C-alpha atoms as a PDB file:
ATOM      1  CA  MET A   1     -11.457  -7.083   8.503  1.00  0.00           C
ATOM      2  CA  GLU A   2      -9.514  -4.207   6.978  1.00  0.00           C
ATOM      3  CA  THR A   3     -10.269  -0.570   7.739  1.00  0.00           C
ATOM      4  CA  LEU A   4      -9.536   2.308   5.386  1.00  0.00           C
ATOM      5  CA  ILE A   5      -7.327   4.888   7.114  1.00  0.00           C
ATOM      6  CA  SER A   6      -6.728   7.352   4.273  1.00  0.00           C
ATOM      7  CA  GLU A   7      -7.041   7.856   0.528  1.00  0.00           C
ATOM      8  CA  GLU A   8      -4.085   9.714  -0.925  1.00  0.00           C
ATOM      9  CA  LYS A   9      -2.390  10.675  -4.156  1.00  0.00           C
ATOM     10  CA  TYR A  10       1.293  10.803  -4.983  1.00  0.00           C
ATOM     11  CA  SER A  11       2.425  11.804  -8.456  1.00  0.00           C
ATOM     12  CA  CYS A  12       0.043  10.111 -10.921  1.00  0.00           C
ATOM     13  CA  TYR A  13      -1.007   7.317  -8.563  1.00  0.00           C
ATOM     14  CA  GLU A  14      -3.745   7.073  -5.979  1.00  0.00           C
ATOM     15  CA  PHE A  15      -3.229   4.837  -2.974  1.00  0.00           C
ATOM     16  CA  ASP A  16      -4.972   3.808   0.218  1.00  0.00           C
ATOM     17  CA  ILE A  17      -3.544   3.193   3.648  1.00  0.00           C
ATOM     18  CA  CYS A  18      -5.518   0.483   5.455  1.00  0.00           C
ATOM     19  CA  SER A  19      -5.269  -1.328   8.763  1.00  0.00           C
ATOM     20  CA  TYR A  20      -6.350  -4.644  10.203  1.00  0.00           C
ATOM     21  CA  PRO A  21      -6.245  -5.963  13.765  1.00  0.00           C
ATOM     22  CA  ASP A  22      -3.700  -8.460  15.019  1.00  0.00           C
ATOM     23  CA  ASP A  23      -5.638 -11.682  15.682  1.00  0.00           C
ATOM     24  CA  GLY A  24      -3.677 -12.393  18.846  1.00  0.00           C
ATOM     25  CA  TYR A  25      -3.886  -8.847  20.219  1.00  0.00           C
ATOM     26  CA  PRO A  26      -7.143  -7.095  19.258  1.00  0.00           C
ATOM     27  CA  SER A  27      -5.898  -3.701  20.460  1.00  0.00           C
ATOM     28  CA  LYS A  28      -2.863  -3.860  18.109  1.00  0.00           C
ATOM     29  CA  LYS A  29      -3.169  -2.921  14.440  1.00  0.00           C
ATOM     30  CA  TYR A  30      -1.023  -3.495  11.395  1.00  0.00           C
ATOM     31  CA  TYR A  31      -1.019  -1.241   8.344  1.00  0.00           C
ATOM     32  CA  PHE A  32      -0.590  -1.855   4.626  1.00  0.00           C
ATOM     33  CA  TYR A  33      -1.100  -0.005   1.344  1.00  0.00           C
ATOM     34  CA  LYS A  34      -2.896  -0.469  -1.961  1.00  0.00           C
ATOM     35  CA  ILE A  35      -1.745   1.398  -5.064  1.00  0.00           C
ATOM     36  CA  TYR A  36      -4.178   1.888  -7.922  1.00  0.00           C
ATOM     37  CA  GLY A  37      -2.289   1.767 -11.196  1.00  0.00           C
ATOM     38  CA  HIS A  38      -2.759   1.287 -14.896  1.00  0.00           C
ATOM     39  CA  GLY A  39      -3.320  -2.464 -15.088  1.00  0.00           C
ATOM     40  CA  CYS A  40       0.181  -3.337 -16.253  1.00  0.00           C
ATOM     41  CA  PRO A  41       1.732  -6.769 -15.769  1.00  0.00           C
ATOM     42  CA  PRO A  42       2.209  -8.280 -13.264  1.00  0.00           C
ATOM     43  CA  TYR A  43      -0.632  -6.240 -11.724  1.00  0.00           C
ATOM     44  CA  ASP A  44      -3.240  -6.725 -14.455  1.00  0.00           C
ATOM     45  CA  ASP A  45      -6.156  -5.636 -12.275  1.00  0.00           C
ATOM     46  CA  GLY A  46      -4.413  -2.317 -11.614  1.00  0.00           C
ATOM     47  CA  ILE A  47      -4.226  -2.849  -7.845  1.00  0.00           C
ATOM     48  CA  ILE A  48      -0.874  -3.320  -6.172  1.00  0.00           C
ATOM     49  CA  GLU A  49      -1.276  -4.475  -2.582  1.00  0.00           C
ATOM     50  CA  THR A  50       1.802  -4.836  -0.422  1.00  0.00           C
ATOM     51  CA  ASP A  51       2.595  -8.167   1.210  1.00  0.00           C
ATOM     52  CA  GLU A  52       4.374  -6.330   4.015  1.00  0.00           C
ATOM     53  CA  GLN A  53       2.792  -5.213   7.255  1.00  0.00           C
ATOM     54  CA  PHE A  54       3.819  -2.008   8.974  1.00  0.00           C
ATOM     55  CA  GLU A  55       3.647  -0.889  12.595  1.00  0.00           C
ATOM     56  CA  THR A  56       2.321   2.595  11.751  1.00  0.00           C
ATOM     57  CA  ALA A  57       0.272   4.254   9.033  1.00  0.00           C
ATOM     58  CA  GLN A  58       3.201   6.631   8.404  1.00  0.00           C
ATOM     59  CA  GLU A  59       5.545   3.709   7.656  1.00  0.00           C
ATOM     60  CA  ALA A  60       2.995   2.301   5.204  1.00  0.00           C
ATOM     61  CA  ARG A  61       2.651   5.740   3.570  1.00  0.00           C
ATOM     62  CA  PHE A  62       6.422   6.104   3.085  1.00  0.00           C
ATOM     63  CA  ALA A  63       6.640   2.569   1.677  1.00  0.00           C
ATOM     64  CA  ALA A  64       3.818   3.296  -0.792  1.00  0.00           C
ATOM     65  CA  ILE A  65       5.556   6.471  -1.968  1.00  0.00           C
ATOM     66  CA  GLY A  66       8.828   4.554  -2.383  1.00  0.00           C
ATOM     67  CA  HIS A  67       7.022   1.851  -4.356  1.00  0.00           C
ATOM     68  CA  ILE A  68       5.396   4.464  -6.625  1.00  0.00           C
ATOM     69  CA  THR A  69       8.775   6.124  -7.217  1.00  0.00           C
ATOM     70  CA  LYS A  70      10.252   2.796  -8.325  1.00  0.00           C
ATOM     71  CA  LEU A  71       7.271   2.151 -10.608  1.00  0.00           C
ATOM     72  CA  GLU A  72       7.779   5.523 -12.271  1.00  0.00           C
ATOM     73  CA  GLU A  73      11.481   4.838 -12.730  1.00  0.00           C
ATOM     74  CA  GLY A  74      10.570   1.624 -14.547  1.00  0.00           C
ATOM     75  CA  ALA A  75      12.229  -0.630 -12.001  1.00  0.00           C
ATOM     76  CA  ASP A  76      11.056  -4.184 -11.496  1.00  0.00           C
ATOM     77  CA  TYR A  77       9.581  -4.257  -8.024  1.00  0.00           C
ATOM     78  CA  ASP A  78       9.362  -7.421  -5.942  1.00  0.00           C
END
């Protein structure tokens, strides 16, 4: 089950940093981000959730900011 760590805003986008436990090691957590956008293809629901997992919340935060920067530059993001 995911846990919300923080709700943040960068530029015109809001994003969340969340965590979930490692199934094999309950004391270990992984972190990921969700960006709330404008419902543009390929993210028609407006939510961009990373497929990556990060070791720390700070790594997830930096990745979210980098992703937002690329979105604002109009780059295709995979």
